[in-house]
Every structure is written in structure tokens, then in C-alpha cells.
Amino acid sequence: MEVVMKETHQLQQDEIRHEIPAQHQKKPQFLSSKSLKGNQSLFEFNFRENTIKKLVLEDPKTIYVGNSKPNKKVIIKQDCLYIPALNAKNAIRHIHNKISPEYNPKIIE
């Protein structure tokens, strides 16, 4: 009786890499629209850094012809919330009433 031992070979598997081709990169997409009333401004509240600042949306050099309203675009940043309000103090009040009274953001001008 002969004992035959088989040799086992382990095949090395190829590494799997997940790459996004340049043509499939993320493009900006429309999320929502918000109308600002009267003298309201848009405030950016960063809840990680606990800061709030006013966003400047309009270029003063731009002139609009006719009665068409200009479209203003905001690039949304990570960890930020956007609040329409008359001033920073009013925006902080909105944060306390609608989100949490624990936040007491610092105003950045």
C-alpha cells in the first residue's frame, strides 16, 4: 500500500480595486429651492464647529434685464445647515427653536 501525498498550491488572488473613472465623477445636482422674503439673508450654520455666518449670494457687478429674477446658487458644504433669516441673532433663535437649544453658535462676519 502506497501513500501518495498531493501537493497543494495556493493561487494568489488578484487585488480588487474600486476606482471611479473620470467620466463618472460626481456632478453638482439640484437639491431644492428656497424663496427669501423681503430683506432676508441666508445664513450658514456649521454644527461641527458651532459657527454661523452670512452668505453673500449676489455679485454687485451683475445687471439683470427685465423682470426676471436672478438664480442664485449655493454650494452646500458638509456638516452645514442653511437658514433664511433677517439677521444672525434671528438665525440663532431659529436654531434654538427648531433644532436644539444646546447649540450656541459663534457669529463669524
PDB file of N, CA and C in Angstrom:
ATOM      1  N   MET A   1       0.837  -1.172   0.000  1.00  0.00           N
ATOM      2  CA  MET A   1       0.000   0.000   0.000  1.00  0.00           C
ATOM      3  C   MET A   1       0.892   1.250   0.000  1.00  0.00           C
ATOM      4  N   GLU A   2       0.681   2.063  -0.966  1.00  0.00           N
ATOM      5  CA  GLU A   2       1.470   3.266  -1.107  1.00  0.00           C
ATOM      6  C   GLU A   2       0.683   4.478  -0.634  1.00  0.00           C
ATOM      7  N   VAL A   3       1.352   5.364   0.038  1.00  0.00           N
ATOM      8  CA  VAL A   3       0.732   6.598   0.481  1.00  0.00           C
ATOM      9  C   VAL A   3       1.209   7.702  -0.456  1.00  0.00           C
ATOM     10  N   VAL A   4       0.245   8.312  -1.120  1.00  0.00           N
ATOM     11  CA  VAL A   4       0.578   9.371  -2.059  1.00  0.00           C
ATOM     12  C   VAL A   4       0.137  10.695  -1.460  1.00  0.00           C
ATOM     13  N   MET A   5       1.025  11.614  -1.395  1.00  0.00           N
ATOM     14  CA  MET A   5       0.693  12.916  -0.845  1.00  0.00           C
ATOM     15  C   MET A   5       0.584  13.902  -2.008  1.00  0.00           C
ATOM     16  N   LYS A   6      -0.481  14.615  -1.990  1.00  0.00           N
ATOM     17  CA  LYS A   6      -0.681  15.616  -3.027  1.00  0.00           C
ATOM     18  C   LYS A   6      -0.101  16.947  -2.581  1.00  0.00           C
ATOM     19  N   GLU A   7       0.458  17.612  -3.535  1.00  0.00           N
ATOM     20  CA  GLU A   7       0.992  18.940  -3.253  1.00  0.00           C
ATOM     21  C   GLU A   7      -0.129  19.953  -3.439  1.00  0.00           C
ATOM     22  N   THR A   8      -0.304  20.826  -2.487  1.00  0.00           N
ATOM     23  CA  THR A   8      -1.348  21.842  -2.623  1.00  0.00           C
ATOM     24  C   THR A   8      -0.710  23.165  -2.997  1.00  0.00           C
ATOM     25  N   HIS A   9      -1.303  23.796  -3.983  1.00  0.00           N
ATOM     26  CA  HIS A   9      -0.811  25.091  -4.429  1.00  0.00           C
ATOM     27  C   HIS A   9      -1.860  26.131  -4.111  1.00  0.00           C
ATOM     28  N   GLN A  10      -1.442  27.210  -3.510  1.00  0.00           N
ATOM     29  CA  GLN A  10      -2.368  28.317  -3.270  1.00  0.00           C
ATOM     30  C   GLN A  10      -2.198  29.325  -4.385  1.00  0.00           C
ATOM     31  N   LEU A  11      -3.296  29.613  -5.019  1.00  0.00           N
ATOM     32  CA  LEU A  11      -3.265  30.608  -6.079  1.00  0.00           C
ATOM     33  C   LEU A  11      -3.454  31.981  -5.464  1.00  0.00           C
ATOM     34  N   GLN A  12      -2.630  32.881  -5.862  1.00  0.00           N
ATOM     35  CA  GLN A  12      -2.741  34.241  -5.332  1.00  0.00           C
ATOM     36  C   GLN A  12      -3.847  34.977  -6.090  1.00  0.00           C
ATOM     37  N   GLN A  13      -4.801  35.505  -5.339  1.00  0.00           N
ATOM     38  CA  GLN A  13      -5.914  36.206  -5.968  1.00  0.00           C
ATOM     39  C   GLN A  13      -5.509  37.629  -6.313  1.00  0.00           C
ATOM     40  N   ASP A  14      -6.119  38.117  -7.366  1.00  0.00           N
ATOM     41  CA  ASP A  14      -5.855  39.495  -7.773  1.00  0.00           C
ATOM     42  C   ASP A  14      -6.491  40.456  -6.784  1.00  0.00           C
ATOM     43  N   GLU A  15      -5.853  41.587  -6.602  1.00  0.00           N
ATOM     44  CA  GLU A  15      -6.425  42.616  -5.732  1.00  0.00           C
ATOM     45  C   GLU A  15      -7.621  43.246  -6.421  1.00  0.00           C
ATOM     46  N   ILE A  16      -8.625  43.546  -5.655  1.00  0.00           N
ATOM     47  CA  ILE A  16      -9.808  44.209  -6.199  1.00  0.00           C
ATOM     48  C   ILE A  16      -9.696  45.685  -5.877  1.00  0.00           C
ATOM     49  N   ARG A  17      -9.778  46.513  -6.895  1.00  0.00           N
ATOM     50  CA  ARG A  17      -9.690  47.954  -6.712  1.00  0.00           C
ATOM     51  C   ARG A  17     -10.969  48.586  -7.234  1.00  0.00           C
ATOM     52  N   HIS A  18     -11.506  49.462  -6.441  1.00  0.00           N
ATOM     53  CA  HIS A  18     -12.699  50.202  -6.840  1.00  0.00           C
ATOM     54  C   HIS A  18     -12.260  51.608  -7.225  1.00  0.00           C
ATOM     55  N   GLU A  19     -12.301  51.881  -8.490  1.00  0.00           N
ATOM     56  CA  GLU A  19     -11.931  53.197  -8.976  1.00  0.00           C
ATOM     57  C   GLU A  19     -13.093  53.785  -9.759  1.00  0.00           C
ATOM     58  N   ILE A  20     -13.263  55.070  -9.602  1.00  0.00           N
ATOM     59  CA  ILE A  20     -14.305  55.761 -10.343  1.00  0.00           C
ATOM     60  C   ILE A  20     -13.647  56.439 -11.537  1.00  0.00           C
ATOM     61  N   PRO A  21     -14.035  56.038 -12.737  1.00  0.00           N
ATOM     62  CA  PRO A  21     -13.453  56.699 -13.912  1.00  0.00           C
ATOM     63  C   PRO A  21     -13.785  58.189 -13.917  1.00  0.00           C
ATOM     64  N   ALA A  22     -12.944  58.952 -14.609  1.00  0.00           N
ATOM     65  CA  ALA A  22     -13.115  60.408 -14.645  1.00  0.00           C
ATOM     66  C   ALA A  22     -14.477  60.806 -15.178  1.00  0.00           C
ATOM     67  N   GLN A  23     -15.047  60.037 -16.092  1.00  0.00           N
ATOM     68  CA  GLN A  23     -16.336  60.398 -16.666  1.00  0.00           C
ATOM     69  C   GLN A  23     -17.500  60.152 -15.712  1.00  0.00           C
ATOM     70  N   HIS A  24     -17.275  59.391 -14.646  1.00  0.00           N
ATOM     71  CA  HIS A  24     -18.342  59.096 -13.703  1.00  0.00           C
ATOM     72  C   HIS A  24     -18.179  59.825 -12.375  1.00  0.00           C
ATOM     73  N   GLN A  25     -17.407  60.887 -12.353  1.00  0.00           N
ATOM     74  CA  GLN A  25     -17.240  61.687 -11.140  1.00  0.00           C
ATOM     75  C   GLN A  25     -18.563  62.356 -10.792  1.00  0.00           C
ATOM     76  N   LYS A  26     -18.740  62.702  -9.528  1.00  0.00           N
ATOM     77  CA  LYS A  26     -19.974  63.365  -9.096  1.00  0.00           C
ATOM     78  C   LYS A  26     -20.094  64.741  -9.722  1.00  0.00           C
ATOM     79  N   LYS A  27     -21.281  65.038 -10.180  1.00  0.00           N
ATOM     80  CA  LYS A  27     -21.563  66.350 -10.744  1.00  0.00           C
ATOM     81  C   LYS A  27     -22.503  67.074  -9.794  1.00  0.00           C
ATOM     82  N   PRO A  28     -22.458  68.402  -9.752  1.00  0.00           N
ATOM     83  CA  PRO A  28     -23.401  69.120  -8.897  1.00  0.00           C
ATOM     84  C   PRO A  28     -24.833  68.819  -9.334  1.00  0.00           C
ATOM     85  N   GLN A  29     -25.696  68.638  -8.367  1.00  0.00           N
ATOM     86  CA  GLN A  29     -27.091  68.367  -8.700  1.00  0.00           C
ATOM     87  C   GLN A  29     -28.002  69.275  -7.889  1.00  0.00           C
ATOM     88  N   PHE A  30     -29.167  69.542  -8.424  1.00  0.00           N
ATOM     89  CA  PHE A  30     -30.142  70.408  -7.781  1.00  0.00           C
ATOM     90  C   PHE A  30     -30.776  69.668  -6.612  1.00  0.00           C
ATOM     91  N   LEU A  31     -30.793  70.286  -5.432  1.00  0.00           N
ATOM     92  CA  LEU A  31     -31.409  69.662  -4.263  1.00  0.00           C
ATOM     93  C   LEU A  31     -32.755  70.285  -3.950  1.00  0.00           C
ATOM     94  N   SER A  32     -32.810  71.598  -3.840  1.00  0.00           N
ATOM     95  CA  SER A  32     -34.069  72.262  -3.540  1.00  0.00           C
ATOM     96  C   SER A  32     -33.931  73.761  -3.787  1.00  0.00           C
ATOM     97  N   SER A  33     -35.058  74.453  -3.701  1.00  0.00           N
ATOM     98  CA  SER A  33     -35.029  75.904  -3.832  1.00  0.00           C
ATOM     99  C   SER A  33     -35.752  76.517  -2.644  1.00  0.00           C
ATOM    100  N   LYS A  34     -35.380  77.722  -2.312  1.00  0.00           N
ATOM    101  CA  LYS A  34     -35.973  78.426  -1.180  1.00  0.00           C
ATOM    102  C   LYS A  34     -36.103  79.889  -1.546  1.00  0.00           C
ATOM    103  N   SER A  35     -37.286  80.441  -1.357  1.00  0.00           N
ATOM    104  CA  SER A  35     -37.504  81.862  -1.620  1.00  0.00           C
ATOM    105  C   SER A  35     -37.195  82.660  -0.365  1.00  0.00           C
ATOM    106  N   LEU A  36     -36.457  83.738  -0.542  1.00  0.00           N
ATOM    107  CA  LEU A  36     -36.162  84.626   0.579  1.00  0.00           C
ATOM    108  C   LEU A  36     -37.154  85.777   0.553  1.00  0.00           C
ATOM    109  N   LYS A  37     -37.725  86.088   1.701  1.00  0.00           N
ATOM    110  CA  LYS A  37     -38.722  87.159   1.794  1.00  0.00           C
ATOM    111  C   LYS A  37     -38.054  88.483   2.149  1.00  0.00           C
ATOM    112  N   GLY A  38     -38.542  89.541   1.561  1.00  0.00           N
ATOM    113  CA  GLY A  38     -38.112  90.893   1.919  1.00  0.00           C
ATOM    114  C   GLY A  38     -36.622  91.065   2.041  1.00  0.00           C
ATOM    115  N   ASN A  39     -36.166  91.389   3.227  1.00  0.00           N
ATOM    116  CA  ASN A  39     -34.752  91.663   3.478  1.00  0.00           C
ATOM    117  C   ASN A  39     -34.011  90.464   4.062  1.00  0.00           C
ATOM    118  N   GLN A  40     -34.545  89.271   3.888  1.00  0.00           N
ATOM    119  CA  GLN A  40     -33.902  88.093   4.462  1.00  0.00           C
ATOM    120  C   GLN A  40     -32.581  87.782   3.780  1.00  0.00           C
ATOM    121  N   SER A  41     -31.702  87.181   4.541  1.00  0.00           N
ATOM    122  CA  SER A  41     -30.423  86.698   4.036  1.00  0.00           C
ATOM    123  C   SER A  41     -30.320  85.216   4.360  1.00  0.00           C
ATOM    124  N   LEU A  42     -29.377  84.554   3.745  1.00  0.00           N
ATOM    125  CA  LEU A  42     -29.168  83.142   4.013  1.00  0.00           C
ATOM    126  C   LEU A  42     -27.952  82.995   4.916  1.00  0.00           C
ATOM    127  N   PHE A  43     -28.114  82.246   5.999  1.00  0.00           N
ATOM    128  CA  PHE A  43     -27.044  82.033   6.967  1.00  0.00           C
ATOM    129  C   PHE A  43     -26.616  80.579   6.946  1.00  0.00           C
ATOM    130  N   GLU A  44     -25.301  80.366   7.040  1.00  0.00           N
ATOM    131  CA  GLU A  44     -24.724  79.025   7.033  1.00  0.00           C
ATOM    132  C   GLU A  44     -24.349  78.663   8.468  1.00  0.00           C
ATOM    133  N   PHE A  45     -24.981  77.621   8.993  1.00  0.00           N
ATOM    134  CA  PHE A  45     -24.718  77.166  10.356  1.00  0.00           C
ATOM    135  C   PHE A  45     -23.929  75.868  10.286  1.00  0.00           C
ATOM    136  N   ASN A  46     -22.689  75.889  10.761  1.00  0.00           N
ATOM    137  CA  ASN A  46     -21.841  74.706  10.796  1.00  0.00           C
ATOM    138  C   ASN A  46     -21.960  74.107  12.193  1.00  0.00           C
ATOM    139  N   PHE A  47     -22.642  72.967  12.299  1.00  0.00           N
ATOM    140  CA  PHE A  47     -22.908  72.422  13.627  1.00  0.00           C
ATOM    141  C   PHE A  47     -21.729  71.644  14.188  1.00  0.00           C
ATOM    142  N   ARG A  48     -20.705  71.332  13.396  1.00  0.00           N
ATOM    143  CA  ARG A  48     -19.494  70.690  13.923  1.00  0.00           C
ATOM    144  C   ARG A  48     -18.595  71.731  14.611  1.00  0.00           C
ATOM    145  N   GLU A  49     -18.447  72.888  13.970  1.00  0.00           N
ATOM    146  CA  GLU A  49     -17.603  73.954  14.525  1.00  0.00           C
ATOM    147  C   GLU A  49     -18.402  74.908  15.401  1.00  0.00           C
ATOM    148  N   ASN A  50     -19.730  74.795  15.391  1.00  0.00           N
ATOM    149  CA  ASN A  50     -20.631  75.635  16.165  1.00  0.00           C
ATOM    150  C   ASN A  50     -20.456  77.121  15.807  1.00  0.00           C
ATOM    151  N   THR A  51     -20.502  77.389  14.487  1.00  0.00           N
ATOM    152  CA  THR A  51     -20.374  78.758  13.998  1.00  0.00           C
ATOM    153  C   THR A  51     -21.515  79.078  13.038  1.00  0.00           C
ATOM    154  N   ILE A  52     -21.795  80.371  12.877  1.00  0.00           N
ATOM    155  CA  ILE A  52     -22.812  80.809  11.933  1.00  0.00           C
ATOM    156  C   ILE A  52     -22.271  82.026  11.193  1.00  0.00           C
ATOM    157  N   LYS A  53     -22.503  82.067   9.863  1.00  0.00           N
ATOM    158  CA  LYS A  53     -22.047  83.215   9.086  1.00  0.00           C
ATOM    159  C   LYS A  53     -23.038  83.505   7.968  1.00  0.00           C
ATOM    160  N   LYS A  54     -23.053  84.759   7.549  1.00  0.00           N
ATOM    161  CA  LYS A  54     -23.947  85.206   6.487  1.00  0.00           C
ATOM    162  C   LYS A  54     -23.321  84.885   5.136  1.00  0.00           C
ATOM    163  N   LEU A  55     -24.122  84.334   4.217  1.00  0.00           N
ATOM    164  CA  LEU A  55     -23.643  84.040   2.871  1.00  0.00           C
ATOM    165  C   LEU A  55     -23.890  85.220   1.959  1.00  0.00           C
ATOM    166  N   VAL A  56     -22.915  85.546   1.150  1.00  0.00           N
ATOM    167  CA  VAL A  56     -23.068  86.593   0.145  1.00  0.00           C
ATOM    168  C   VAL A  56     -23.396  85.879  -1.163  1.00  0.00           C
ATOM    169  N   LEU A  57     -24.606  86.133  -1.692  1.00  0.00           N
ATOM    170  CA  LEU A  57     -25.072  85.388  -2.847  1.00  0.00           C
ATOM    171  C   LEU A  57     -24.996  86.148  -4.161  1.00  0.00           C
ATOM    172  N   GLU A  58     -25.053  87.447  -4.115  1.00  0.00           N
ATOM    173  CA  GLU A  58     -25.191  88.221  -5.342  1.00  0.00           C
ATOM    174  C   GLU A  58     -23.927  88.993  -5.665  1.00  0.00           C
ATOM    175  N   ASP A  59     -23.541  88.964  -6.925  1.00  0.00           N
ATOM    176  CA  ASP A  59     -22.391  89.719  -7.395  1.00  0.00           C
ATOM    177  C   ASP A  59     -22.858  91.150  -7.665  1.00  0.00           C
ATOM    178  N   PRO A  60     -22.262  92.176  -7.054  1.00  0.00           N
ATOM    179  CA  PRO A  60     -22.741  93.552  -7.247  1.00  0.00           C
ATOM    180  C   PRO A  60     -22.540  94.073  -8.669  1.00  0.00           C
ATOM    181  N   LYS A  61     -21.689  93.437  -9.469  1.00  0.00           N
ATOM    182  CA  LYS A  61     -21.437  93.891 -10.826  1.00  0.00           C
ATOM    183  C   LYS A  61     -22.464  93.364 -11.826  1.00  0.00           C
ATOM    184  N   THR A  62     -23.295  92.426 -11.404  1.00  0.00           N
ATOM    185  CA  THR A  62     -24.261  91.813 -12.313  1.00  0.00           C
ATOM    186  C   THR A  62     -25.471  92.715 -12.498  1.00  0.00           C
ATOM    187  N   ILE A  63     -25.897  92.882 -13.746  1.00  0.00           N
ATOM    188  CA  ILE A  63     -27.087  93.682 -14.057  1.00  0.00           C
ATOM    189  C   ILE A  63     -28.103  92.758 -14.725  1.00  0.00           C
ATOM    190  N   TYR A  64     -29.353  92.786 -14.251  1.00  0.00           N
ATOM    191  CA  TYR A  64     -30.403  91.947 -14.798  1.00  0.00           C
ATOM    192  C   TYR A  64     -31.361  92.793 -15.628  1.00  0.00           C
ATOM    193  N   VAL A  65     -31.715  92.279 -16.784  1.00  0.00           N
ATOM    194  CA  VAL A  65     -32.600  92.992 -17.701  1.00  0.00           C
ATOM    195  C   VAL A  65     -33.995  92.389 -17.589  1.00  0.00           C
ATOM    196  N   GLY A  66     -35.014  93.249 -17.559  1.00  0.00           N
ATOM    197  CA  GLY A  66     -36.391  92.768 -17.484  1.00  0.00           C
ATOM    198  C   GLY A  66     -36.813  92.461 -16.061  1.00  0.00           C
ATOM    199  N   ASN A  67     -37.936  91.769 -15.942  1.00  0.00           N
ATOM    200  CA  ASN A  67     -38.488  91.443 -14.623  1.00  0.00           C
ATOM    201  C   ASN A  67     -38.073  90.063 -14.137  1.00  0.00           C
ATOM    202  N   SER A  68     -37.168  89.408 -14.841  1.00  0.00           N
ATOM    203  CA  SER A  68     -36.769  88.060 -14.443  1.00  0.00           C
ATOM    204  C   SER A  68     -35.935  88.121 -13.162  1.00  0.00           C
ATOM    205  N   LYS A  69     -36.211  87.190 -12.268  1.00  0.00           N
ATOM    206  CA  LYS A  69     -35.454  87.118 -11.024  1.00  0.00           C
ATOM    207  C   LYS A  69     -34.170  86.337 -11.277  1.00  0.00           C
ATOM    208  N   PRO A  70     -33.080  86.757 -10.690  1.00  0.00           N
ATOM    209  CA  PRO A  70     -31.822  86.034 -10.892  1.00  0.00           C
ATOM    210  C   PRO A  70     -31.818  84.713 -10.121  1.00  0.00           C
ATOM    211  N   ASN A  71     -31.165  83.718 -10.688  1.00  0.00           N
ATOM    212  CA  ASN A  71     -30.988  82.449  -9.987  1.00  0.00           C
ATOM    213  C   ASN A  71     -29.667  82.510  -9.231  1.00  0.00           C
ATOM    214  N   LYS A  72     -29.726  82.247  -7.948  1.00  0.00           N
ATOM    215  CA  LYS A  72     -28.530  82.253  -7.120  1.00  0.00           C
ATOM    216  C   LYS A  72     -28.259  80.814  -6.711  1.00  0.00           C
ATOM    217  N   LYS A  73     -27.010  80.414  -6.751  1.00  0.00           N
ATOM    218  CA  LYS A  73     -26.656  79.041  -6.427  1.00  0.00           C
ATOM    219  C   LYS A  73     -25.804  79.022  -5.174  1.00  0.00           C
ATOM    220  N   VAL A  74     -26.032  78.023  -4.345  1.00  0.00           N
ATOM    221  CA  VAL A  74     -25.257  77.829  -3.132  1.00  0.00           C
ATOM    222  C   VAL A  74     -24.615  76.456  -3.213  1.00  0.00           C
ATOM    223  N   ILE A  75     -23.331  76.400  -2.996  1.00  0.00           N
ATOM    224  CA  ILE A  75     -22.634  75.118  -2.916  1.00  0.00           C
ATOM    225  C   ILE A  75     -22.759  74.643  -1.475  1.00  0.00           C
ATOM    226  N   ILE A  76     -23.424  73.527  -1.287  1.00  0.00           N
ATOM    227  CA  ILE A  76     -23.681  73.022   0.063  1.00  0.00           C
ATOM    228  C   ILE A  76     -22.429  72.352   0.596  1.00  0.00           C
ATOM    229  N   LYS A  77     -22.032  72.763   1.775  1.00  0.00           N
ATOM    230  CA  LYS A  77     -20.846  72.198   2.420  1.00  0.00           C
ATOM    231  C   LYS A  77     -21.272  71.106   3.393  1.00  0.00           C
ATOM    232  N   GLN A  78     -20.354  70.207   3.637  1.00  0.00           N
ATOM    233  CA  GLN A  78     -20.624  69.119   4.564  1.00  0.00           C
ATOM    234  C   GLN A  78     -20.741  69.666   5.990  1.00  0.00           C
ATOM    235  N   ASP A  79     -21.619  69.112   6.784  1.00  0.00           N
ATOM    236  CA  ASP A  79     -21.852  69.491   8.182  1.00  0.00           C
ATOM    237  C   ASP A  79     -22.417  70.902   8.336  1.00  0.00           C
ATOM    238  N   CYS A  80     -23.128  71.408   7.325  1.00  0.00           N
ATOM    239  CA  CYS A  80     -23.700  72.745   7.395  1.00  0.00           C
ATOM    240  C   CYS A  80     -25.205  72.698   7.157  1.00  0.00           C
ATOM    241  N   LEU A  81     -25.872  73.658   7.746  1.00  0.00           N
ATOM    242  CA  LEU A  81     -27.311  73.818   7.604  1.00  0.00           C
ATOM    243  C   LEU A  81     -27.551  75.256   7.180  1.00  0.00           C
ATOM    244  N   TYR A  82     -28.489  75.483   6.266  1.00  0.00           N
ATOM    245  CA  TYR A  82     -28.720  76.821   5.727  1.00  0.00           C
ATOM    246  C   TYR A  82     -30.070  77.339   6.202  1.00  0.00           C
ATOM    247  N   ILE A  83     -30.052  78.546   6.791  1.00  0.00           N
ATOM    248  CA  ILE A  83     -31.236  79.115   7.439  1.00  0.00           C
ATOM    249  C   ILE A  83     -31.517  80.503   6.870  1.00  0.00           C
ATOM    250  N   PRO A  84     -32.730  80.739   6.347  1.00  0.00           N
ATOM    251  CA  PRO A  84     -33.088  82.100   5.936  1.00  0.00           C
ATOM    252  C   PRO A  84     -33.552  82.903   7.152  1.00  0.00           C
ATOM    253  N   ALA A  85     -33.000  84.094   7.337  1.00  0.00           N
ATOM    254  CA  ALA A  85     -33.367  84.936   8.475  1.00  0.00           C
ATOM    255  C   ALA A  85     -33.002  86.386   8.181  1.00  0.00           C
ATOM    256  N   LEU A  86     -33.534  87.307   9.000  1.00  0.00           N
ATOM    257  CA  LEU A  86     -33.244  88.735   8.825  1.00  0.00           C
ATOM    258  C   LEU A  86     -31.836  89.102   9.271  1.00  0.00           C
ATOM    259  N   ASN A  87     -31.388  88.513  10.369  1.00  0.00           N
ATOM    260  CA  ASN A  87     -30.047  88.789  10.874  1.00  0.00           C
ATOM    261  C   ASN A  87     -29.536  87.553  11.622  1.00  0.00           C
ATOM    262  N   ALA A  88     -28.286  87.607  12.062  1.00  0.00           N
ATOM    263  CA  ALA A  88     -27.667  86.453  12.717  1.00  0.00           C
ATOM    264  C   ALA A  88     -28.359  86.097  14.030  1.00  0.00           C
ATOM    265  N   LYS A  89     -28.783  87.111  14.765  1.00  0.00           N
ATOM    266  CA  LYS A  89     -29.458  86.874  16.043  1.00  0.00           C
ATOM    267  C   LYS A  89     -30.769  86.104  15.828  1.00  0.00           C
ATOM    268  N   ASN A  90     -31.484  86.476  14.768  1.00  0.00           N
ATOM    269  CA  ASN A  90     -32.726  85.810  14.425  1.00  0.00           C
ATOM    270  C   ASN A  90     -32.457  84.369  13.955  1.00  0.00           C
ATOM    271  N   ALA A  91     -31.363  84.162  13.218  1.00  0.00           N
ATOM    272  CA  ALA A  91     -30.998  82.818  12.764  1.00  0.00           C
ATOM    273  C   ALA A  91     -30.672  81.919  13.957  1.00  0.00           C
ATOM    274  N   ILE A  92     -29.991  82.471  14.958  1.00  0.00           N
ATOM    275  CA  ILE A  92     -29.680  81.701  16.173  1.00  0.00           C
ATOM    276  C   ILE A  92     -30.961  81.324  16.899  1.00  0.00           C
ATOM    277  N   ARG A  93     -31.928  82.230  16.911  1.00  0.00           N
ATOM    278  CA  ARG A  93     -33.227  81.935  17.539  1.00  0.00           C
ATOM    279  C   ARG A  93     -33.917  80.775  16.813  1.00  0.00           C
ATOM    280  N   HIS A  94     -33.835  80.759  15.478  1.00  0.00           N
ATOM    281  CA  HIS A  94     -34.409  79.651  14.705  1.00  0.00           C
ATOM    282  C   HIS A  94     -33.729  78.332  15.070  1.00  0.00           C
ATOM    283  N   ILE A  95     -32.414  78.374  15.250  1.00  0.00           N
ATOM    284  CA  ILE A  95     -31.666  77.167  15.632  1.00  0.00           C
ATOM    285  C   ILE A  95     -32.135  76.675  16.994  1.00  0.00           C
ATOM    286  N   HIS A  96     -32.292  77.580  17.951  1.00  0.00           N
ATOM    287  CA  HIS A  96     -32.736  77.193  19.295  1.00  0.00           C
ATOM    288  C   HIS A  96     -34.145  76.616  19.268  1.00  0.00           C
ATOM    289  N   ASN A  97     -35.048  77.222  18.483  1.00  0.00           N
ATOM    290  CA  ASN A  97     -36.442  76.780  18.463  1.00  0.00           C
ATOM    291  C   ASN A  97     -36.659  75.509  17.659  1.00  0.00           C
ATOM    292  N   LYS A  98     -35.989  75.367  16.521  1.00  0.00           N
ATOM    293  CA  LYS A  98     -36.289  74.264  15.614  1.00  0.00           C
ATOM    294  C   LYS A  98     -35.314  73.098  15.680  1.00  0.00           C
ATOM    295  N   ILE A  99     -34.085  73.331  16.093  1.00  0.00           N
ATOM    296  CA  ILE A  99     -33.096  72.252  16.114  1.00  0.00           C
ATOM    297  C   ILE A  99     -32.826  71.798  17.548  1.00  0.00           C
ATOM    298  N   SER A 100     -32.169  72.662  18.314  1.00  0.00           N
ATOM    299  CA  SER A 100     -31.861  72.309  19.695  1.00  0.00           C
ATOM    300  C   SER A 100     -31.381  73.542  20.451  1.00  0.00           C
ATOM    301  N   PRO A 101     -31.845  73.724  21.676  1.00  0.00           N
ATOM    302  CA  PRO A 101     -31.362  74.863  22.468  1.00  0.00           C
ATOM    303  C   PRO A 101     -29.915  74.677  22.953  1.00  0.00           C
ATOM    304  N   GLU A 102     -29.348  73.480  22.757  1.00  0.00           N
ATOM    305  CA  GLU A 102     -27.971  73.219  23.182  1.00  0.00           C
ATOM    306  C   GLU A 102     -26.959  74.001  22.351  1.00  0.00           C
ATOM    307  N   TYR A 103     -27.272  74.269  21.084  1.00  0.00           N
ATOM    308  CA  TYR A 103     -26.348  74.993  20.216  1.00  0.00           C
ATOM    309  C   TYR A 103     -26.337  76.475  20.558  1.00  0.00           C
ATOM    310  N   ASN A 104     -25.151  77.023  20.699  1.00  0.00           N
ATOM    311  CA  ASN A 104     -24.992  78.466  20.890  1.00  0.00           C
ATOM    312  C   ASN A 104     -23.846  78.905  19.993  1.00  0.00           C
ATOM    313  N   PRO A 105     -24.150  79.078  18.668  1.00  0.00           N
ATOM    314  CA  PRO A 105     -23.082  79.324  17.702  1.00  0.00           C
ATOM    315  C   PRO A 105     -22.432  80.690  17.825  1.00  0.00           C
ATOM    316  N   LYS A 106     -21.173  80.738  17.442  1.00  0.00           N
ATOM    317  CA  LYS A 106     -20.417  81.985  17.393  1.00  0.00           C
ATOM    318  C   LYS A 106     -20.669  82.616  16.025  1.00  0.00           C
ATOM    319  N   ILE A 107     -20.849  83.928  16.003  1.00  0.00           N
ATOM    320  CA  ILE A 107     -21.126  84.652  14.766  1.00  0.00           C
ATOM    321  C   ILE A 107     -19.806  85.031  14.101  1.00  0.00           C
ATOM    322  N   ILE A 108     -19.647  84.620  12.838  1.00  0.00           N
ATOM    323  CA  ILE A 108     -18.470  84.970  12.045  1.00  0.00           C
ATOM    324  C   ILE A 108     -18.904  85.999  11.003  1.00  0.00           C
ATOM    325  N   GLU A 109     -18.187  87.100  10.918  1.00  0.00           N
ATOM    326  CA  GLU A 109     -18.553  88.137   9.936  1.00  0.00           C
ATOM    327  C   GLU A 109     -17.548  88.241   8.852  1.00  0.00           C
TER     328      GLU A 109
END
